[in-house]
Structures are given as structure tokens and as C-alpha cells.
Amino acid sequence: MDDHKDDIYEDNSIEEQKKTEAEEKKGDDSGSDYEDVCFICRRPESKAGKMFRLPNHICVCDDCMHKTMDTVSQFDYQGLLNNPDFSDMNTGKGFPNISFVNLADLRGDGGIPNKQKPKKKKKKDEAEIDIRNIMPPHKIKQKLDEYVVGQEHAKKVMSVAVYNHYKRVATGTMDEIEIEKSNMLMIGPTGCGKTYLVKTLARLLDVPLAIADATSLTEAGYIGDDIESVVSKLLAAADNDVDRAERGIIFIDEIDKIAKKKNTNARDVSGESVQQGMLKLLEGAEVEVPVGANSKNAMVPLATVNTRNILFICGGAFPDLDEIIKQRLNKKTSIGYNAELKDKYDKEKNILSHVTVEDIRKFGMIPEFIGRLPVIFTLEGLSREMMIQILSQPRNAILKQYQKLLELDEVELLFDEGALEAIADKALEKETGARALRAIIEEFMLDIMYEVPKDDNIGRVTITREYIEGTGGPVIDIRSRSAEHPDRLKEIQQS
């Protein structure tokens, strides 16, 4: 009788094994909209990798399976159970009524259900970058012109650098000549559009983009983000697709905050040491980064990403760099004929355009770091005319956003030329660039956005210079009765 039971159990285990193997062969081809989740760490298959499928549809990821087996192997359960010191006096076996759980016994409705998560829609396998399909520089700049006002030189430099970079990625080597990577360093005052330029560029090229803040980066072993975390963000932006991440763009903002600290004897864990740690990252190296997490730990798998084809763009305002430039330019000042005045460059708005590598080194960036950013360019400070254009010309201009909001209430919003000039003048006083425009508009549009929904008769609101300057109010036009009732309008026209 016992032999018969053993045969039944063996048959059942063989059937379960065949069933599990058949499910593994199906894989993602089953057409299911759900993906398996690890029974222990609860990570989906897209993050944890291939699963071990146990009976009763229980799935365990590779990491948890290895950790479990390592833990179990530390204890001698067989020796413990057969130890005579802990044995039962009647049976002679250790720990009576204790046995290992057979997962096959959990079959049926009483078993533990396998929770699943919906699968992420996977894109079709992307083909390798074709050099004929890369957007040429003039077309990249035309697209940028639709969103970014001014900054002609910066847009031209970025278009050429990105075009050359993706030609390099597409061809690899040409006639055994390896093309070096064109990492970029952009310098410009706050609010001039550094981050917006990079975001627009990544959206146009349809490549993964990671934006990191250099202020949170510290040397390895200290509290803060490790330097490899910028690559981890790019991997997350590429949906954990390593091949796609290796063709992405990393924008490191506030790069001027990791300059060398001056006149200090303390360890510089967030300055020069961070620059030194980024050297291999910028040049191209294989980096192990955690998948689905920001920091490395025992429960998170690691992926190897090669940064050789990742384009790094660094940007910063570099405050007080203009003083270093003026000091260098004023060295020629002397007494006598052809002498230059000391205040010659004090009123020049675009003094940053005279920047050299020597000025950046004096600011606190180490030469090895600057050398790995061969493309250095500056952005202009915003003038009054540029401010007026930013308000109304770009595809997603601030005024167009408010006009769209009031359109939903069937109200037309207009701005006269004097109002635009008054807004630009107020923004220039704040000295925070284009960010000041939004703050000013939010301030004077508050009452309008509050009062307009009250009255259905309002058909048009015109913002004037007097309203912006606080000496008058907006011009409000009442909706005509004929416009409210088009059928009545037709009757009047026919009569």
C-alpha cells in the first residue's frame, strides 16, 4: 500500500515538473498581460529577471533562491534531526512530529496564490541607429527654435555636437579611426534655459534622458548619492533596458557646486573628490549600477552599463565667474595712450562669452575634469526683447497656457503690447531669468482666474499695462446675447 502511494506521489511530481517546464518554454509568448512576481522579495519579473517556477505557481527570483539556499546550507538539519541528545525515547529519532514542508502539498484551492502585476507594454525591438535616419544639425536647430527663444549660438553648438555623437554611435569606427566623445559644458546665468534646452533636445531625439543634481553627489562611503547614481537614473529612464540606456543622455545640473573648496583644511567630500570620481564616467567605463533602486545593497541585483556611448552634458550658472573673467581682461589696463579703463567690462551683459579654460580652472574645476568636456559654450542673459518673445512666441508659451485655460470657460484672453513690456520690465528687476515671468503672471492672473468663472456673461478679458503696473484694471467685454443664442442670431439675420 505504501509503495502504491509513493508511486502516486512520484507521478504527481513528474507531472508538476513537466507542467513547470512547459510554462517556462512559453515565457512571454503566452500573450498574458501579467508578469510573475517573486514570492519572497515581491519584485516583478521585469526587474528581478528570470524566475524559478515552483509547484502551485509559486515564483522565486534568482537572487532570493540563491540567498535561501545559502542560508539553509549553514545549518545541518539532517544531523540535528538524527542527534541522539534530542531524540525521542520511543522512536529514537530527533524532534518528533517535525518535518519539512512539501510544496507539492499546497496544490489546489488551499494553496498560496501567486500574485501578479500587469506587464509593462514592451516596445518592438528597436533597430540599431541608422546614420541615414539621424536628424541633421539644421533640422535639430529648427525644432529647437520652436520651443527656445534666442540662444542661437548654444542651439547651433548643441545640434552639431549631438549629431556628431550619434554618428559616432552608429558607425563605431571609420577606417580604424576611433572618434572621441563630445561631452558638453554649458555656462549661463540662472533662468536662461539650460535645463529646458536639454529636455527639449532629448524629447526631439526620443532617447532616454536622466537629469541629476551635482549638489547631492558625494565621495563613495559618505552620506549622499554615489557618483554611479546618475547612471542608475538613466537606466530607470530607459525602463531597465541596458542597450537603450547606453545610447542615452545624462544632464548633470549645478556642476559648479562641485568646485574645489578654497582655503579649507577639511576633507572635500563633495567637491574635488566628486570631480575625480567622475573622470572615468565621462571618458567611458563599465559601471555596475543597481536595478530598480538608488543604492547598492544585498537584495538588489546589479546591471553593468558601459558609459562609452552615453553623452554627458554638464551645466551650471558659475556665480562670480564673471569677476574672474574681468580680472583677466583688465590686466592690460595701464596709464598713457591706448590705455583701457578698469570699468570697461563692468556694463557688458554677456561677459561670460569671453570665458576660457583657464578661467574655469581658477573657479575650482580640476584640469582633468575640464579636459573631458571638450565642447564648452555659454548662454546669453535674457534681454527685454527676449523676455517679450518668451511670453508669447514658443509653442508652449506661458500666455498660451493661460489662454487655453480660459478657453475652457469660453472666455478669450488677450494681452496688449504695453502689458507684455511691463511684464518683461518687472521680470528683469527680479534677476532670476525666465522663471520670474511665471511668478509675475501668477500674481496678476489670480484675481482674473477667480472672478471669471463667477459670471457667465464675460466673453473677453484684455490685460493692459495699467493693470500690470497697478494703476488700472483689465478691459472686460460682456458676451453678446446673440452669441449666446446662435438660433436667435439666425432669426435676426433673416428678418
Protein backbone atom coordinates (compact mmCIF):
# COMPACT_ATOMS: atom_id res chain seq x y z
CA MET A 1 0.00 0.00 0.00
CA ASP A 2 2.84 2.37 0.90
CA ASP A 3 4.62 1.55 -2.33
CA HIS A 4 1.46 2.44 -4.23
CA LYS A 5 1.30 5.84 -2.50
CA ASP A 6 4.95 6.52 -3.33
CA ASP A 7 4.25 5.77 -6.99
CA ILE A 8 1.32 8.22 -6.98
CA TYR A 9 3.50 10.95 -5.44
CA GLU A 10 6.26 10.29 -7.96
CA ASP A 11 3.76 10.50 -10.84
CA ASN A 12 2.37 13.76 -9.45
CA SER A 13 5.84 15.26 -9.06
CA ILE A 14 6.74 14.26 -12.62
CA GLU A 15 3.53 15.86 -13.90
CA GLU A 16 4.26 19.03 -11.93
CA GLN A 17 7.80 19.13 -13.33
CA LYS A 18 6.56 18.73 -16.90
CA LYS A 19 3.94 21.41 -16.33
CA THR A 20 6.57 23.80 -14.94
CA GLU A 21 8.89 23.16 -17.88
CA ALA A 22 6.07 23.78 -20.34
CA GLU A 23 5.26 27.11 -18.64
CA GLU A 24 8.92 28.12 -18.79
CA LYS A 25 9.06 27.36 -22.51
CA LYS A 26 6.05 29.56 -23.11
CA GLY A 27 7.68 32.52 -21.32
CA ASP A 28 6.39 35.85 -22.54
CA ASP A 29 4.93 34.25 -25.68
CA SER A 30 1.85 33.20 -23.70
CA GLY A 31 0.22 36.52 -24.50
CA SER A 32 -0.63 37.20 -20.84
CA ASP A 33 -0.93 40.80 -19.73
CA TYR A 34 0.56 39.95 -16.33
CA GLU A 35 4.09 39.18 -15.24
CA ASP A 36 5.24 36.96 -12.40
CA VAL A 37 6.21 38.42 -9.03
CA CYS A 38 8.82 36.93 -6.70
CA PHE A 39 7.14 35.24 -3.73
CA ILE A 40 9.86 36.50 -1.34
CA CYS A 41 11.02 39.99 -2.40
CA ARG A 42 7.83 40.92 -4.34
CA ARG A 43 9.77 42.27 -7.34
CA PRO A 44 8.22 41.75 -10.80
CA GLU A 45 9.97 39.72 -13.47
CA SER A 46 10.88 42.86 -15.45
CA LYS A 47 13.13 43.99 -12.58
CA ALA A 48 14.21 40.73 -10.94
CA GLY A 49 14.96 38.76 -14.11
CA LYS A 50 14.10 35.16 -14.89
CA MET A 51 12.09 33.35 -12.20
CA PHE A 52 12.29 29.83 -10.74
CA ARG A 53 8.78 28.40 -11.05
CA LEU A 54 7.85 26.12 -8.17
CA PRO A 55 4.69 24.00 -7.77
CA ASN A 56 1.38 25.78 -7.18
CA HIS A 57 2.56 28.64 -9.46
CA ILE A 58 4.96 29.99 -6.84
CA CYS A 59 7.77 32.03 -8.42
CA VAL A 60 11.11 32.90 -6.80
CA CYS A 61 13.71 35.14 -8.41
CA ASP A 62 17.29 34.04 -8.92
CA ASP A 63 18.68 36.27 -6.15
CA CYS A 64 16.21 35.12 -3.49
CA MET A 65 16.68 31.46 -4.46
CA HIS A 66 20.46 31.71 -4.05
CA LYS A 67 20.16 33.58 -0.75
CA THR A 68 17.70 30.99 0.57
CA MET A 69 19.95 28.09 -0.39
CA ASP A 70 22.97 29.82 1.16
CA THR A 71 21.05 30.31 4.41
CA VAL A 72 19.81 26.71 4.50
CA SER A 73 23.29 25.34 3.81
CA GLN A 74 24.61 26.96 7.00
CA PHE A 75 22.63 24.52 9.18
CA ASP A 76 22.95 20.73 9.37
CA TYR A 77 19.28 19.84 9.61
CA GLN A 78 19.85 16.14 8.98
CA GLY A 79 22.43 15.93 11.75
CA LEU A 80 20.19 17.90 14.08
CA LEU A 81 17.22 15.66 13.47
CA ASN A 82 19.29 12.48 13.99
CA ASN A 83 21.16 13.75 17.07
CA PRO A 84 20.56 11.23 19.91
CA ASP A 85 20.66 14.03 22.51
CA PHE A 86 17.42 15.42 21.07
CA SER A 87 15.87 12.05 20.10
CA ASP A 88 12.54 10.64 21.13
CA MET A 89 12.86 7.79 23.63
CA ASN A 90 10.26 5.68 21.79
CA THR A 91 11.32 6.15 18.17
CA GLY A 92 14.98 7.08 18.55
CA LYS A 93 14.51 9.95 16.04
CA GLY A 94 15.19 13.59 16.77
CA PHE A 95 12.38 16.15 17.23
CA PRO A 96 9.29 14.00 16.75
CA ASN A 97 6.39 15.35 14.64
CA ILE A 98 8.74 17.81 12.84
CA SER A 99 9.23 17.51 9.09
CA PHE A 100 9.99 19.71 6.10
CA VAL A 101 7.04 21.22 4.27
CA ASN A 102 6.39 19.68 0.88
CA LEU A 103 5.40 22.47 -1.51
CA ALA A 104 3.54 19.94 -3.62
CA ASP A 105 1.06 19.54 -0.74
CA LEU A 106 -0.03 23.14 -1.29
CA ARG A 107 -1.75 22.24 -4.56
CA GLY A 108 -5.36 23.13 -5.07
CA ASP A 109 -7.56 25.92 -3.82
CA GLY A 110 -6.00 25.88 -0.37
CA GLY A 111 -2.56 26.77 -1.70
CA ILE A 112 -0.87 30.12 -1.63
CA PRO A 113 -1.94 32.19 -4.64
CA ASN A 114 0.72 33.69 -6.88
CA LYS A 115 0.11 37.44 -7.04
CA GLN A 116 0.89 39.03 -10.36
CA LYS A 117 1.40 42.53 -11.67
CA PRO A 118 0.36 43.84 -15.09
CA LYS A 119 3.15 43.67 -17.64
CA LYS A 120 4.57 46.88 -18.99
CA LYS A 121 3.91 47.28 -22.66
CA LYS A 122 7.18 46.47 -24.36
CA LYS A 123 8.14 48.35 -27.46
CA LYS A 124 9.15 46.46 -30.53
CA ASP A 125 12.79 45.59 -30.78
CA GLU A 126 14.49 48.81 -31.76
CA ALA A 127 16.85 48.60 -34.68
CA GLU A 128 20.36 49.86 -34.43
CA ILE A 129 20.83 53.57 -35.10
CA ASP A 130 20.92 54.16 -38.84
CA ILE A 131 23.21 57.01 -39.89
CA ARG A 132 20.76 57.95 -42.66
CA ASN A 133 17.95 58.43 -40.14
CA ILE A 134 19.86 60.75 -37.81
CA MET A 135 18.40 64.26 -37.88
CA PRO A 136 20.95 66.70 -39.41
CA PRO A 137 22.07 69.72 -37.37
CA HIS A 138 20.00 72.33 -39.21
CA LYS A 139 16.81 70.33 -38.64
CA ILE A 140 17.63 69.83 -34.96
CA LYS A 141 18.07 73.59 -34.60
CA GLN A 142 14.79 74.26 -36.44
CA LYS A 143 12.99 72.05 -33.93
CA LEU A 144 14.69 73.78 -31.01
CA ASP A 145 13.68 77.19 -32.43
CA GLU A 146 10.01 76.23 -31.95
CA TYR A 147 10.49 75.90 -28.18
CA VAL A 148 13.51 78.04 -27.21
CA VAL A 149 13.81 81.78 -27.87
CA GLY A 150 17.24 83.22 -28.66
CA GLN A 151 20.43 81.39 -27.66
CA GLU A 152 21.34 80.93 -31.33
CA HIS A 153 24.97 80.02 -30.66
CA ALA A 154 24.07 77.49 -27.95
CA LYS A 155 21.47 75.79 -30.14
CA LYS A 156 23.92 75.55 -33.04
CA VAL A 157 26.69 74.08 -30.86
CA MET A 158 24.33 71.52 -29.28
CA SER A 159 22.88 70.49 -32.65
CA VAL A 160 26.31 69.82 -34.15
CA ALA A 161 27.63 68.04 -31.03
CA VAL A 162 24.60 65.75 -30.76
CA TYR A 163 24.67 64.97 -34.49
CA ASN A 164 28.36 64.05 -34.36
CA HIS A 165 27.84 61.99 -31.21
CA TYR A 166 25.11 59.80 -32.72
CA LYS A 167 27.09 59.42 -35.95
CA ARG A 168 29.87 58.10 -33.73
CA VAL A 169 27.48 55.69 -32.00
CA ALA A 170 26.05 54.49 -35.33
CA THR A 171 29.37 53.86 -37.07
CA GLY A 172 31.59 52.79 -34.18
CA THR A 173 34.85 53.10 -36.09
CA MET A 174 35.52 54.52 -39.52
CA ASP A 175 38.67 53.32 -41.28
CA GLU A 176 40.02 52.17 -37.92
CA ILE A 177 39.86 55.76 -36.62
CA GLU A 178 38.05 55.93 -33.30
CA ILE A 179 36.03 59.11 -32.83
CA GLU A 180 36.21 60.64 -29.37
CA LYS A 181 33.09 61.53 -27.41
CA SER A 182 31.92 65.17 -27.42
CA ASN A 183 30.75 65.82 -23.87
CA MET A 184 29.47 69.37 -23.32
CA LEU A 185 29.77 72.03 -20.64
CA MET A 186 27.21 74.85 -20.81
CA ILE A 187 27.64 78.00 -18.77
CA GLY A 188 24.91 80.58 -18.35
CA PRO A 189 23.08 82.68 -15.76
CA THR A 190 20.07 81.29 -13.90
CA GLY A 191 16.82 81.13 -15.84
CA CYS A 192 18.39 81.35 -19.31
CA GLY A 193 17.15 77.91 -20.44
CA LYS A 194 19.96 75.40 -19.78
CA THR A 195 17.76 72.59 -18.44
CA TYR A 196 14.94 73.41 -20.85
CA LEU A 197 17.28 73.09 -23.83
CA VAL A 198 18.40 69.60 -22.78
CA LYS A 199 14.84 68.42 -22.05
CA THR A 200 13.66 69.64 -25.45
CA LEU A 201 16.62 68.02 -27.19
CA ALA A 202 16.01 64.62 -25.58
CA ARG A 203 12.30 64.78 -26.46
CA LEU A 204 13.08 65.56 -30.10
CA LEU A 205 15.62 62.73 -30.42
CA ASP A 206 13.46 60.22 -28.49
CA VAL A 207 16.35 58.99 -26.35
CA PRO A 208 16.32 58.31 -22.59
CA LEU A 209 17.34 61.31 -20.51
CA ALA A 210 18.47 61.43 -16.88
CA ILE A 211 18.73 64.76 -15.06
CA ALA A 212 20.91 64.67 -11.96
CA ASP A 213 21.84 67.33 -9.46
CA ALA A 214 25.53 67.59 -8.64
CA THR A 215 24.83 69.11 -5.20
CA SER A 216 23.73 65.71 -3.82
CA LEU A 217 26.77 63.79 -5.10
CA THR A 218 29.45 62.80 -2.58
CA GLU A 219 32.54 60.64 -2.49
CA ALA A 220 31.93 56.89 -2.10
CA GLY A 221 31.40 55.93 1.55
CA TYR A 222 29.78 59.19 2.65
CA ILE A 223 26.12 60.06 3.13
CA GLY A 224 24.64 61.23 -0.16
CA ASP A 225 24.31 59.89 -3.68
CA ASP A 226 27.16 57.90 -5.16
CA ILE A 227 28.55 59.07 -8.48
CA GLU A 228 27.17 55.95 -10.20
CA SER A 229 23.64 57.01 -9.21
CA VAL A 230 23.45 59.26 -12.30
CA VAL A 231 23.83 56.16 -14.49
CA SER A 232 21.22 54.35 -12.38
CA LYS A 233 18.74 57.16 -13.12
CA LEU A 234 19.41 56.81 -16.84
CA LEU A 235 18.82 53.04 -16.63
CA ALA A 236 15.48 53.68 -14.92
CA ALA A 237 14.55 56.23 -17.62
CA ALA A 238 15.27 53.54 -20.24
CA ASP A 239 12.92 51.04 -18.48
CA ASN A 240 15.93 48.98 -17.32
CA ASP A 241 16.97 48.35 -20.94
CA VAL A 242 20.78 48.42 -20.80
CA ASP A 243 21.25 48.68 -24.58
CA ARG A 244 18.91 51.67 -24.80
CA ALA A 245 20.45 53.33 -21.76
CA GLU A 246 23.91 53.11 -23.32
CA ARG A 247 22.71 55.47 -26.09
CA GLY A 248 21.10 58.00 -23.76
CA ILE A 249 21.91 61.47 -22.44
CA ILE A 250 22.86 62.39 -18.87
CA PHE A 251 22.47 66.04 -17.85
CA ILE A 252 24.28 66.97 -14.64
CA ASP A 253 22.94 70.29 -13.41
CA GLU A 254 24.58 72.63 -10.90
CA ILE A 255 28.01 71.31 -11.90
CA ASP A 256 29.61 74.45 -10.47
CA LYS A 257 28.67 73.27 -6.95
CA ILE A 258 31.38 70.57 -7.03
CA ALA A 259 34.20 73.07 -7.49
CA LYS A 260 37.19 72.80 -5.19
CA LYS A 261 36.68 74.41 -1.80
CA LYS A 262 39.08 77.28 -1.23
CA ASN A 263 41.10 77.93 1.93
CA THR A 264 39.98 74.88 3.85
CA ASN A 265 41.86 72.04 5.52
CA ALA A 266 38.83 69.74 5.85
CA ARG A 267 38.29 66.77 3.53
CA ASP A 268 36.46 67.92 0.40
CA VAL A 269 34.00 65.01 0.00
CA SER A 270 31.54 66.89 -2.22
CA GLY A 271 33.97 68.94 -4.31
CA GLU A 272 37.25 67.87 -5.84
CA SER A 273 36.78 64.21 -4.88
CA VAL A 274 33.49 64.09 -6.85
CA GLN A 275 35.24 65.55 -9.90
CA GLN A 276 37.92 62.87 -9.64
CA GLY A 277 35.30 60.14 -9.31
CA MET A 278 33.53 61.33 -12.45
CA LEU A 279 36.62 61.19 -14.67
CA LYS A 280 36.22 57.56 -15.78
CA LEU A 281 32.46 58.01 -16.02
CA LEU A 282 32.82 60.85 -18.53
CA GLU A 283 35.52 59.12 -20.53
CA GLY A 284 33.83 55.73 -20.76
CA ALA A 285 33.88 52.83 -18.32
CA GLU A 286 31.80 49.83 -17.31
CA VAL A 287 29.80 50.71 -14.21
CA GLU A 288 27.77 48.36 -12.02
CA VAL A 289 24.54 50.07 -11.04
CA PRO A 290 21.55 48.77 -9.03
CA VAL A 291 18.42 47.88 -10.97
CA GLY A 292 15.23 49.44 -9.61
CA ALA A 293 16.93 51.20 -6.68
CA ASN A 294 19.14 54.19 -5.95
CA SER A 295 21.70 52.48 -3.73
CA LYS A 296 23.54 49.19 -3.76
CA ASN A 297 22.52 46.56 -1.22
CA ALA A 298 22.41 42.79 -0.92
CA MET A 299 18.82 42.41 -2.12
CA VAL A 300 19.11 44.47 -5.30
CA PRO A 301 20.60 42.97 -8.49
CA LEU A 302 23.27 44.90 -10.37
CA ALA A 303 23.50 45.65 -14.09
CA THR A 304 26.67 46.55 -15.97
CA VAL A 305 26.37 49.71 -18.10
CA ASN A 306 29.11 50.94 -20.42
CA THR A 307 29.25 54.75 -20.48
CA ARG A 308 31.36 54.91 -23.64
CA ASN A 309 28.40 55.95 -25.82
CA ILE A 310 26.48 57.98 -23.21
CA LEU A 311 26.51 61.72 -23.93
CA PHE A 312 27.21 63.79 -20.82
CA ILE A 313 26.04 67.40 -20.70
CA CYS A 314 27.06 69.47 -17.67
CA GLY A 315 25.53 72.82 -16.88
CA GLY A 316 25.88 75.47 -14.24
CA ALA A 317 25.47 79.17 -13.52
CA PHE A 318 29.06 79.55 -12.22
CA PRO A 319 28.44 82.59 -10.00
CA ASP A 320 31.38 85.01 -9.64
CA LEU A 321 32.98 83.56 -12.78
CA ASP A 322 32.39 86.93 -14.40
CA GLU A 323 34.68 88.53 -11.81
CA ILE A 324 37.46 86.08 -12.72
CA ILE A 325 36.99 86.94 -16.42
CA LYS A 326 37.05 90.70 -15.73
CA GLN A 327 40.18 90.32 -13.65
CA ARG A 328 41.92 88.56 -16.54
CA LEU A 329 40.72 91.06 -19.16
CA ASN A 330 41.71 94.09 -17.05
CA LYS A 331 45.36 93.03 -16.84
CA LYS A 332 46.05 95.17 -19.90
CA THR A 333 44.98 98.33 -18.05
CA SER A 334 47.77 100.89 -17.87
CA ILE A 335 48.39 104.61 -17.84
CA GLY A 336 49.00 106.55 -21.03
CA TYR A 337 47.94 106.30 -24.65
CA ASN A 338 45.75 103.33 -25.71
CA ALA A 339 45.12 102.51 -22.03
CA GLU A 340 41.95 100.57 -21.17
CA LEU A 341 39.69 101.71 -18.34
CA LYS A 342 39.11 99.40 -15.38
CA ASP A 343 35.35 99.68 -15.72
CA LYS A 344 35.39 98.83 -19.44
CA TYR A 345 33.74 95.40 -18.92
CA ASP A 346 31.54 96.27 -15.92
CA LYS A 347 28.45 97.03 -18.01
CA GLU A 348 28.87 94.20 -20.51
CA LYS A 349 25.94 91.80 -20.16
CA ASN A 350 27.43 88.79 -21.92
CA ILE A 351 30.78 88.83 -20.16
CA LEU A 352 30.60 85.02 -19.85
CA SER A 353 31.13 84.72 -23.61
CA HIS A 354 34.81 85.61 -23.02
CA VAL A 355 35.35 82.56 -20.79
CA THR A 356 38.42 80.36 -21.26
CA VAL A 357 39.52 77.03 -19.79
CA GLU A 358 41.92 78.93 -17.54
CA ASP A 359 39.01 80.88 -16.02
CA ILE A 360 37.10 77.66 -15.28
CA ARG A 361 40.20 76.16 -13.68
CA LYS A 362 40.57 79.21 -11.43
CA PHE A 363 36.92 78.84 -10.46
CA GLY A 364 37.76 75.43 -8.94
CA MET A 365 37.37 72.78 -11.63
CA ILE A 366 40.35 70.42 -11.94
CA PRO A 367 42.12 70.27 -15.35
CA GLU A 368 41.40 66.53 -15.80
CA PHE A 369 37.67 67.20 -15.46
CA ILE A 370 37.65 70.13 -17.89
CA GLY A 371 39.65 68.13 -20.42
CA ARG A 372 36.87 65.53 -20.63
CA LEU A 373 34.34 68.23 -21.57
CA PRO A 374 35.76 69.41 -24.91
CA VAL A 375 32.68 71.37 -26.05
CA ILE A 376 32.35 74.48 -23.87
CA PHE A 377 29.78 77.17 -24.71
CA THR A 378 27.87 79.91 -22.96
CA LEU A 379 24.26 81.08 -22.95
CA GLU A 380 23.26 84.72 -23.05
CA GLY A 381 21.46 86.53 -20.30
CA LEU A 382 17.87 87.33 -21.26
CA SER A 383 17.20 90.83 -22.60
CA ARG A 384 13.91 92.75 -22.59
CA GLU A 385 13.10 91.77 -26.18
CA MET A 386 13.83 88.10 -25.45
CA MET A 387 11.55 88.21 -22.42
CA ILE A 388 8.67 89.53 -24.55
CA GLN A 389 9.25 86.78 -27.12
CA ILE A 390 9.36 84.09 -24.42
CA LEU A 391 5.95 85.21 -23.21
CA SER A 392 4.11 84.64 -26.49
CA GLN A 393 6.17 83.01 -29.27
CA PRO A 394 7.22 79.45 -28.22
CA ARG A 395 4.86 76.55 -28.91
CA ASN A 396 4.06 76.16 -25.20
CA ALA A 397 4.44 79.82 -24.17
CA ILE A 398 3.17 80.92 -20.76
CA LEU A 399 0.47 83.20 -22.18
CA LYS A 400 -0.77 80.42 -24.48
CA GLN A 401 -1.21 78.20 -21.44
CA TYR A 402 -3.46 80.75 -19.70
CA GLN A 403 -5.37 81.42 -22.90
CA LYS A 404 -6.07 77.68 -23.13
CA LEU A 405 -7.26 77.60 -19.52
CA LEU A 406 -9.76 80.40 -20.10
CA GLU A 407 -10.86 78.88 -23.40
CA LEU A 408 -12.26 76.00 -21.37
CA ASP A 409 -14.55 78.60 -19.72
CA GLU A 410 -15.37 80.03 -23.20
CA VAL A 411 -13.52 83.26 -22.40
CA GLU A 412 -10.99 84.90 -24.72
CA LEU A 413 -7.80 86.23 -23.09
CA LEU A 414 -5.80 88.97 -24.81
CA PHE A 415 -2.60 90.88 -23.91
CA ASP A 416 -1.79 94.25 -25.42
CA GLU A 417 1.77 95.23 -26.30
CA GLY A 418 2.13 97.54 -23.29
CA ALA A 419 1.25 94.69 -20.92
CA LEU A 420 3.97 92.44 -22.37
CA GLU A 421 6.55 95.21 -21.98
CA ALA A 422 5.51 95.84 -18.38
CA ILE A 423 5.79 92.12 -17.53
CA ALA A 424 9.27 91.96 -19.10
CA ASP A 425 10.43 95.03 -17.16
CA LYS A 426 9.26 93.53 -13.87
CA ALA A 427 10.97 90.22 -14.66
CA LEU A 428 14.29 91.93 -15.39
CA GLU A 429 14.17 93.61 -11.95
CA LYS A 430 13.99 90.23 -10.21
CA GLU A 431 17.17 88.99 -11.98
CA THR A 432 16.05 85.35 -11.97
CA GLY A 433 15.67 84.95 -15.72
CA ALA A 434 12.61 83.41 -17.35
CA ARG A 435 11.47 81.92 -14.04
CA ALA A 436 10.40 85.42 -12.95
CA LEU A 437 7.85 85.60 -15.78
CA ARG A 438 5.77 82.78 -14.35
CA ALA A 439 5.77 84.30 -10.87
CA ILE A 440 4.62 87.70 -12.15
CA ILE A 441 1.84 86.27 -14.32
CA GLU A 442 0.60 84.03 -11.48
CA GLU A 443 0.34 87.13 -9.30
CA PHE A 444 -1.84 89.32 -11.55
CA MET A 445 -3.85 86.43 -13.04
CA LEU A 446 -5.04 85.27 -9.62
CA ASP A 447 -8.00 87.68 -9.41
CA ILE A 448 -8.96 87.09 -13.04
CA MET A 449 -8.95 83.31 -12.69
CA TYR A 450 -11.03 83.70 -9.52
CA GLU A 451 -13.63 86.17 -10.84
CA VAL A 452 -14.18 84.94 -14.42
CA PRO A 453 -15.94 81.63 -13.55
CA LYS A 454 -18.42 83.62 -11.40
CA ASP A 455 -20.02 85.45 -14.35
CA ASP A 456 -21.12 83.60 -17.47
CA ASN A 457 -21.61 86.90 -19.30
CA ILE A 458 -17.87 87.62 -19.55
CA GLY A 459 -16.69 86.92 -23.09
CA ARG A 460 -13.29 88.58 -23.36
CA VAL A 461 -10.60 89.82 -20.95
CA THR A 462 -7.82 92.14 -22.16
CA ILE A 463 -4.75 92.66 -19.94
CA THR A 464 -3.35 96.20 -20.12
CA ARG A 465 -0.16 97.91 -18.99
CA GLU A 466 -2.15 99.83 -16.34
CA TYR A 467 -3.33 96.58 -14.77
CA ILE A 468 0.22 95.16 -14.62
CA GLU A 469 1.58 98.38 -13.08
CA GLY A 470 -1.30 98.58 -10.58
CA THR A 471 -2.79 101.86 -11.86
CA GLY A 472 -5.87 100.40 -13.57
CA GLY A 473 -7.78 97.25 -14.31
CA PRO A 474 -8.27 94.81 -17.18
CA VAL A 475 -10.73 95.53 -20.00
CA ILE A 476 -13.70 93.15 -19.72
CA ASP A 477 -16.10 92.67 -22.63
CA ILE A 478 -19.55 91.23 -21.95
CA ARG A 479 -20.70 88.33 -24.09
CA SER A 480 -23.41 89.40 -26.55
CA ARG A 481 -26.84 87.79 -26.31
CA SER A 482 -26.77 86.85 -29.97
CA ALA A 483 -23.53 84.92 -29.43
CA GLU A 484 -25.12 83.01 -26.57
CA HIS A 485 -28.11 82.01 -28.71
CA PRO A 486 -26.99 81.27 -32.30
CA ASP A 487 -30.53 80.26 -33.33
CA ARG A 488 -31.82 83.68 -32.31
CA LEU A 489 -28.92 85.25 -34.30
CA LYS A 490 -30.08 83.44 -37.45
CA GLU A 491 -33.63 84.73 -36.95
CA ILE A 492 -32.37 88.32 -36.62
CA GLN A 493 -30.24 87.98 -39.76
CA GLN A 494 -33.15 86.52 -41.79
CA SER A 495 -35.55 89.28 -40.65
